[in-house]
PDB file of N, CA and C in Angstrom:
ATOM      1  N   MET A   1      18.938 -19.549 -73.896  1.00  0.00           N
ATOM      2  CA  MET A   1      17.699 -20.251 -74.164  1.00  0.00           C
ATOM      3  C   MET A   1      17.152 -20.881 -72.879  1.00  0.00           C
ATOM      4  N   TYR A   2      18.055 -21.490 -72.088  1.00  0.00           N
ATOM      5  CA  TYR A   2      17.616 -22.134 -70.850  1.00  0.00           C
ATOM      6  C   TYR A   2      17.063 -21.101 -69.872  1.00  0.00           C
ATOM      7  N   LYS A   3      17.676 -19.921 -69.802  1.00  0.00           N
ATOM      8  CA  LYS A   3      17.203 -18.893 -68.881  1.00  0.00           C
ATOM      9  C   LYS A   3      15.808 -18.426 -69.262  1.00  0.00           C
ATOM     10  N   LYS A   4      15.562 -18.266 -70.559  1.00  0.00           N
ATOM     11  CA  LYS A   4      14.251 -17.818 -71.016  1.00  0.00           C
ATOM     12  C   LYS A   4      13.189 -18.876 -70.717  1.00  0.00           C
ATOM     13  N   LEU A   5      13.515 -20.141 -70.979  1.00  0.00           N
ATOM     14  CA  LEU A   5      12.573 -21.225 -70.719  1.00  0.00           C
ATOM     15  C   LEU A   5      12.298 -21.365 -69.226  1.00  0.00           C
ATOM     16  N   SER A   6      13.333 -21.274 -68.412  1.00  0.00           N
ATOM     17  CA  SER A   6      13.129 -21.408 -66.969  1.00  0.00           C
ATOM     18  C   SER A   6      12.331 -20.231 -66.415  1.00  0.00           C
ATOM     19  N   PHE A   7      12.524 -19.032 -66.979  1.00  0.00           N
ATOM     20  CA  PHE A   7      11.738 -17.882 -66.528  1.00  0.00           C
ATOM     21  C   PHE A   7      10.272 -18.041 -66.910  1.00  0.00           C
ATOM     22  N   ILE A   8      10.007 -18.575 -68.089  1.00  0.00           N
ATOM     23  CA  ILE A   8       8.620 -18.810 -68.511  1.00  0.00           C
ATOM     24  C   ILE A   8       7.969 -19.862 -67.617  1.00  0.00           C
ATOM     25  N   LEU A   9       8.689 -20.928 -67.297  1.00  0.00           N
ATOM     26  CA  LEU A   9       8.141 -21.949 -66.396  1.00  0.00           C
ATOM     27  C   LEU A   9       7.928 -21.391 -64.992  1.00  0.00           C
ATOM     28  N   PHE A  10       8.805 -20.492 -64.558  1.00  0.00           N
ATOM     29  CA  PHE A  10       8.628 -19.834 -63.266  1.00  0.00           C
ATOM     30  C   PHE A  10       7.337 -19.015 -63.264  1.00  0.00           C
ATOM     31  N   LEU A  11       7.078 -18.284 -64.337  1.00  0.00           N
ATOM     32  CA  LEU A  11       5.844 -17.497 -64.424  1.00  0.00           C
ATOM     33  C   LEU A  11       4.605 -18.392 -64.476  1.00  0.00           C
ATOM     34  N   ILE A  12       4.706 -19.522 -65.164  1.00  0.00           N
ATOM     35  CA  ILE A  12       3.591 -20.470 -65.197  1.00  0.00           C
ATOM     36  C   ILE A  12       3.334 -21.012 -63.793  1.00  0.00           C
ATOM     37  N   GLY A  13       4.398 -21.273 -63.042  1.00  0.00           N
ATOM     38  CA  GLY A  13       4.240 -21.731 -61.657  1.00  0.00           C
ATOM     39  C   GLY A  13       3.555 -20.696 -60.797  1.00  0.00           C
ATOM     40  N   LEU A  14       3.926 -19.424 -60.953  1.00  0.00           N
ATOM     41  CA  LEU A  14       3.272 -18.359 -60.193  1.00  0.00           C
ATOM     42  C   LEU A  14       1.802 -18.226 -60.563  1.00  0.00           C
ATOM     43  N   LEU A  15       1.498 -18.362 -61.855  1.00  0.00           N
ATOM     44  CA  LEU A  15       0.108 -18.294 -62.305  1.00  0.00           C
ATOM     45  C   LEU A  15      -0.703 -19.455 -61.735  1.00  0.00           C
ATOM     46  N   SER A  16      -0.100 -20.632 -61.683  1.00  0.00           N
ATOM     47  CA  SER A  16      -0.785 -21.796 -61.111  1.00  0.00           C
ATOM     48  C   SER A  16      -1.059 -21.598 -59.625  1.00  0.00           C
ATOM     49  N   ILE A  17      -0.138 -20.969 -58.927  1.00  0.00           N
ATOM     50  CA  ILE A  17      -0.346 -20.688 -57.505  1.00  0.00           C
ATOM     51  C   ILE A  17      -1.542 -19.756 -57.328  1.00  0.00           C
ATOM     52  N   VAL A  18      -1.631 -18.739 -58.184  1.00  0.00           N
ATOM     53  CA  VAL A  18      -2.736 -17.781 -58.095  1.00  0.00           C
ATOM     54  C   VAL A  18      -4.060 -18.465 -58.404  1.00  0.00           C
ATOM     55  N   VAL A  19      -4.068 -19.387 -59.368  1.00  0.00           N
ATOM     56  CA  VAL A  19      -5.292 -20.108 -59.711  1.00  0.00           C
ATOM     57  C   VAL A  19      -5.743 -20.984 -58.547  1.00  0.00           C
ATOM     58  N   GLY A  20      -4.812 -21.617 -57.849  1.00  0.00           N
ATOM     59  CA  GLY A  20      -5.156 -22.514 -56.751  1.00  0.00           C
ATOM     60  C   GLY A  20      -5.367 -21.819 -55.416  1.00  0.00           C
ATOM     61  N   MET A  21      -5.135 -20.526 -55.349  1.00  0.00           N
ATOM     62  CA  MET A  21      -5.232 -19.797 -54.086  1.00  0.00           C
ATOM     63  C   MET A  21      -6.628 -19.828 -53.448  1.00  0.00           C
ATOM     64  N   PRO A  22      -7.735 -19.759 -54.208  1.00  0.00           N
ATOM     65  CA  PRO A  22      -9.054 -19.832 -53.546  1.00  0.00           C
ATOM     66  C   PRO A  22      -9.258 -21.120 -52.755  1.00  0.00           C
ATOM     67  N   TYR A  23      -8.684 -22.237 -53.229  1.00  0.00           N
ATOM     68  CA  TYR A  23      -8.784 -23.487 -52.482  1.00  0.00           C
ATOM     69  C   TYR A  23      -8.024 -23.390 -51.165  1.00  0.00           C
ATOM     70  N   LEU A  24      -6.843 -22.806 -51.214  1.00  0.00           N
ATOM     71  CA  LEU A  24      -6.024 -22.676 -50.014  1.00  0.00           C
ATOM     72  C   LEU A  24      -6.681 -21.767 -48.984  1.00  0.00           C
ATOM     73  N   LEU A  25      -7.308 -20.690 -49.448  1.00  0.00           N
ATOM     74  CA  LEU A  25      -7.939 -19.737 -48.538  1.00  0.00           C
ATOM     75  C   LEU A  25      -9.318 -20.171 -48.055  1.00  0.00           C
ATOM     76  N   GLY A  26      -9.852 -21.251 -48.628  1.00  0.00           N
ATOM     77  CA  GLY A  26     -11.123 -21.774 -48.173  1.00  0.00           C
ATOM     78  C   GLY A  26     -12.325 -21.199 -48.888  1.00  0.00           C
ATOM     79  N   TYR A  27     -12.122 -20.425 -49.949  1.00  0.00           N
ATOM     80  CA  TYR A  27     -13.252 -19.861 -50.693  1.00  0.00           C
ATOM     81  C   TYR A  27     -13.893 -20.893 -51.604  1.00  0.00           C
ATOM     82  N   SER A  28     -13.160 -21.941 -51.937  1.00  0.00           N
ATOM     83  CA  SER A  28     -13.673 -22.975 -52.823  1.00  0.00           C
ATOM     84  C   SER A  28     -13.375 -24.336 -52.206  1.00  0.00           C
ATOM     85  N   THR A  29     -14.309 -25.259 -52.410  1.00  0.00           N
ATOM     86  CA  THR A  29     -14.086 -26.632 -51.933  1.00  0.00           C
ATOM     87  C   THR A  29     -13.755 -27.559 -53.099  1.00  0.00           C
ATOM     88  N   ASN A  30     -13.540 -27.002 -54.271  1.00  0.00           N
ATOM     89  CA  ASN A  30     -13.222 -27.789 -55.454  1.00  0.00           C
ATOM     90  C   ASN A  30     -11.810 -28.366 -55.317  1.00  0.00           C
ATOM     91  N   LYS A  31     -11.737 -29.687 -55.248  1.00  0.00           N
ATOM     92  CA  LYS A  31     -10.437 -30.350 -55.063  1.00  0.00           C
ATOM     93  C   LYS A  31      -9.529 -30.196 -56.286  1.00  0.00           C
ATOM     94  N   LEU A  32     -10.102 -29.899 -57.451  1.00  0.00           N
ATOM     95  CA  LEU A  32      -9.267 -29.732 -58.641  1.00  0.00           C
ATOM     96  C   LEU A  32      -8.378 -28.499 -58.543  1.00  0.00           C
ATOM     97  N   LEU A  33      -8.736 -27.537 -57.699  1.00  0.00           N
ATOM     98  CA  LEU A  33      -7.909 -26.352 -57.533  1.00  0.00           C
ATOM     99  C   LEU A  33      -6.672 -26.625 -56.673  1.00  0.00           C
ATOM    100  N   ALA A  34      -6.670 -27.747 -55.984  1.00  0.00           N
ATOM    101  CA  ALA A  34      -5.509 -28.075 -55.151  1.00  0.00           C
ATOM    102  C   ALA A  34      -4.311 -28.476 -56.002  1.00  0.00           C
ATOM    103  N   TYR A  35      -4.564 -29.123 -57.132  1.00  0.00           N
ATOM    104  CA  TYR A  35      -3.457 -29.596 -57.964  1.00  0.00           C
ATOM    105  C   TYR A  35      -2.630 -28.463 -58.557  1.00  0.00           C
ATOM    106  N   PRO A  36      -3.260 -27.438 -59.179  1.00  0.00           N
ATOM    107  CA  PRO A  36      -2.407 -26.356 -59.684  1.00  0.00           C
ATOM    108  C   PRO A  36      -1.682 -25.612 -58.570  1.00  0.00           C
ATOM    109  N   LEU A  37      -2.284 -25.549 -57.387  1.00  0.00           N
ATOM    110  CA  LEU A  37      -1.634 -24.859 -56.278  1.00  0.00           C
ATOM    111  C   LEU A  37      -0.328 -25.545 -55.901  1.00  0.00           C
ATOM    112  N   TYR A  38      -0.384 -26.839 -55.660  1.00  0.00           N
ATOM    113  CA  TYR A  38       0.803 -27.547 -55.195  1.00  0.00           C
ATOM    114  C   TYR A  38       1.811 -27.779 -56.322  1.00  0.00           C
ATOM    115  N   ILE A  39       1.342 -28.086 -57.512  1.00  0.00           N
ATOM    116  CA  ILE A  39       2.261 -28.254 -58.639  1.00  0.00           C
ATOM    117  C   ILE A  39       2.903 -26.922 -58.988  1.00  0.00           C
ATOM    118  N   GLY A  40       2.137 -25.835 -58.894  1.00  0.00           N
ATOM    119  CA  GLY A  40       2.683 -24.509 -59.156  1.00  0.00           C
ATOM    120  C   GLY A  40       3.761 -24.134 -58.157  1.00  0.00           C
ATOM    121  N   LEU A  41       3.580 -24.522 -56.895  1.00  0.00           N
ATOM    122  CA  LEU A  41       4.609 -24.262 -55.893  1.00  0.00           C
ATOM    123  C   LEU A  41       5.905 -24.986 -56.235  1.00  0.00           C
ATOM    124  N   ILE A  42       5.790 -26.237 -56.635  1.00  0.00           N
ATOM    125  CA  ILE A  42       6.973 -27.018 -56.973  1.00  0.00           C
ATOM    126  C   ILE A  42       7.674 -26.432 -58.195  1.00  0.00           C
ATOM    127  N   VAL A  43       6.902 -26.102 -59.232  1.00  0.00           N
ATOM    128  CA  VAL A  43       7.490 -25.554 -60.460  1.00  0.00           C
ATOM    129  C   VAL A  43       8.139 -24.201 -60.192  1.00  0.00           C
ATOM    130  N   ALA A  44       7.491 -23.359 -59.390  1.00  0.00           N
ATOM    131  CA  ALA A  44       8.050 -22.034 -59.104  1.00  0.00           C
ATOM    132  C   ALA A  44       9.348 -22.137 -58.308  1.00  0.00           C
ATOM    133  N   VAL A  45       9.435 -23.083 -57.397  1.00  0.00           N
ATOM    134  CA  VAL A  45      10.656 -23.226 -56.604  1.00  0.00           C
ATOM    135  C   VAL A  45      11.788 -23.822 -57.447  1.00  0.00           C
ATOM    136  N   VAL A  46      11.468 -24.804 -58.268  1.00  0.00           N
ATOM    137  CA  VAL A  46      12.509 -25.451 -59.073  1.00  0.00           C
ATOM    138  C   VAL A  46      13.075 -24.493 -60.110  1.00  0.00           C
ATOM    139  N   PHE A  47      12.212 -23.685 -60.731  1.00  0.00           N
ATOM    140  CA  PHE A  47      12.660 -22.810 -61.806  1.00  0.00           C
ATOM    141  C   PHE A  47      12.790 -21.357 -61.369  1.00  0.00           C
ATOM    142  N   ALA A  48      12.954 -21.122 -60.094  1.00  0.00           N
ATOM    143  CA  ALA A  48      13.143 -19.746 -59.611  1.00  0.00           C
ATOM    144  C   ALA A  48      14.453 -19.190 -60.171  1.00  0.00           C
ATOM    145  N   PRO A  49      14.455 -17.907 -60.520  1.00  0.00           N
ATOM    146  CA  PRO A  49      15.700 -17.319 -61.061  1.00  0.00           C
ATOM    147  C   PRO A  49      16.840 -17.410 -60.048  1.00  0.00           C
ATOM    148  N   LYS A  50      17.994 -17.793 -60.549  1.00  0.00           N
ATOM    149  CA  LYS A  50      19.162 -17.945 -59.682  1.00  0.00           C
ATOM    150  C   LYS A  50      19.873 -16.597 -59.536  1.00  0.00           C
ATOM    151  N   ILE A  51      20.351 -16.308 -58.355  1.00  0.00           N
ATOM    152  CA  ILE A  51      21.076 -15.075 -58.096  1.00  0.00           C
ATOM    153  C   ILE A  51      22.565 -15.363 -58.201  1.00  0.00           C
ATOM    154  N   ASN A  52      23.278 -14.513 -58.924  1.00  0.00           N
ATOM    155  CA  ASN A  52      24.726 -14.655 -59.041  1.00  0.00           C
ATOM    156  C   ASN A  52      25.358 -14.045 -57.787  1.00  0.00           C
ATOM    157  N   MET A  53      25.767 -14.879 -56.858  1.00  0.00           N
ATOM    158  CA  MET A  53      26.257 -14.415 -55.564  1.00  0.00           C
ATOM    159  C   MET A  53      27.594 -13.690 -55.675  1.00  0.00           C
ATOM    160  N   LYS A  54      28.399 -13.990 -56.692  1.00  0.00           N
ATOM    161  CA  LYS A  54      29.672 -13.296 -56.856  1.00  0.00           C
ATOM    162  C   LYS A  54      29.442 -11.811 -57.097  1.00  0.00           C
ATOM    163  N   ASN A  55      28.469 -11.501 -57.933  1.00  0.00           N
ATOM    164  CA  ASN A  55      28.167 -10.095 -58.203  1.00  0.00           C
ATOM    165  C   ASN A  55      27.568  -9.401 -56.971  1.00  0.00           C
ATOM    166  N   VAL A  56      26.784 -10.112 -56.201  1.00  0.00           N
ATOM    167  CA  VAL A  56      26.172  -9.527 -55.002  1.00  0.00           C
ATOM    168  C   VAL A  56      27.250  -9.146 -54.008  1.00  0.00           C
ATOM    169  N   PHE A  57      28.200 -10.035 -53.749  1.00  0.00           N
ATOM    170  CA  PHE A  57      29.242  -9.759 -52.776  1.00  0.00           C
ATOM    171  C   PHE A  57      30.244  -8.732 -53.291  1.00  0.00           C
ATOM    172  N   LYS A  58      30.441  -8.681 -54.625  1.00  0.00           N
ATOM    173  CA  LYS A  58      31.312  -7.682 -55.207  1.00  0.00           C
ATOM    174  C   LYS A  58      30.748  -6.276 -54.975  1.00  0.00           C
ATOM    175  N   ASN A  59      29.448  -6.144 -55.127  1.00  0.00           N
ATOM    176  CA  ASN A  59      28.807  -4.832 -54.947  1.00  0.00           C
ATOM    177  C   ASN A  59      28.791  -4.415 -53.482  1.00  0.00           C
ATOM    178  N   ILE A  60      28.739  -5.364 -52.561  1.00  0.00           N
ATOM    179  CA  ILE A  60      28.734  -5.039 -51.130  1.00  0.00           C
ATOM    180  C   ILE A  60      30.109  -4.533 -50.692  1.00  0.00           C
ATOM    181  N   LYS A  61      31.181  -5.121 -51.226  1.00  0.00           N
ATOM    182  CA  LYS A  61      32.531  -4.742 -50.836  1.00  0.00           C
ATOM    183  C   LYS A  61      32.911  -3.339 -51.314  1.00  0.00           C
ATOM    184  N   LYS A  62      32.264  -2.866 -52.364  1.00  0.00           N
ATOM    185  CA  LYS A  62      32.622  -1.543 -52.911  1.00  0.00           C
ATOM    186  C   LYS A  62      32.114  -0.432 -52.078  1.00  0.00           C
TER     187      LYS A  62
END
């Protein structure tokens, strides 16, 4: 359940970044677009999918 919820929040963070991108690129001067951009960055980083490093190193050794 936690993995599904964190993945959904990660996708919401990515969507927020895309919504705020015109402000970052200078196409819009609307300050309201800055909030989803920065909040989306924080949410996407916090809820980014975790990589199981044990499996990664196991596959490299084979």
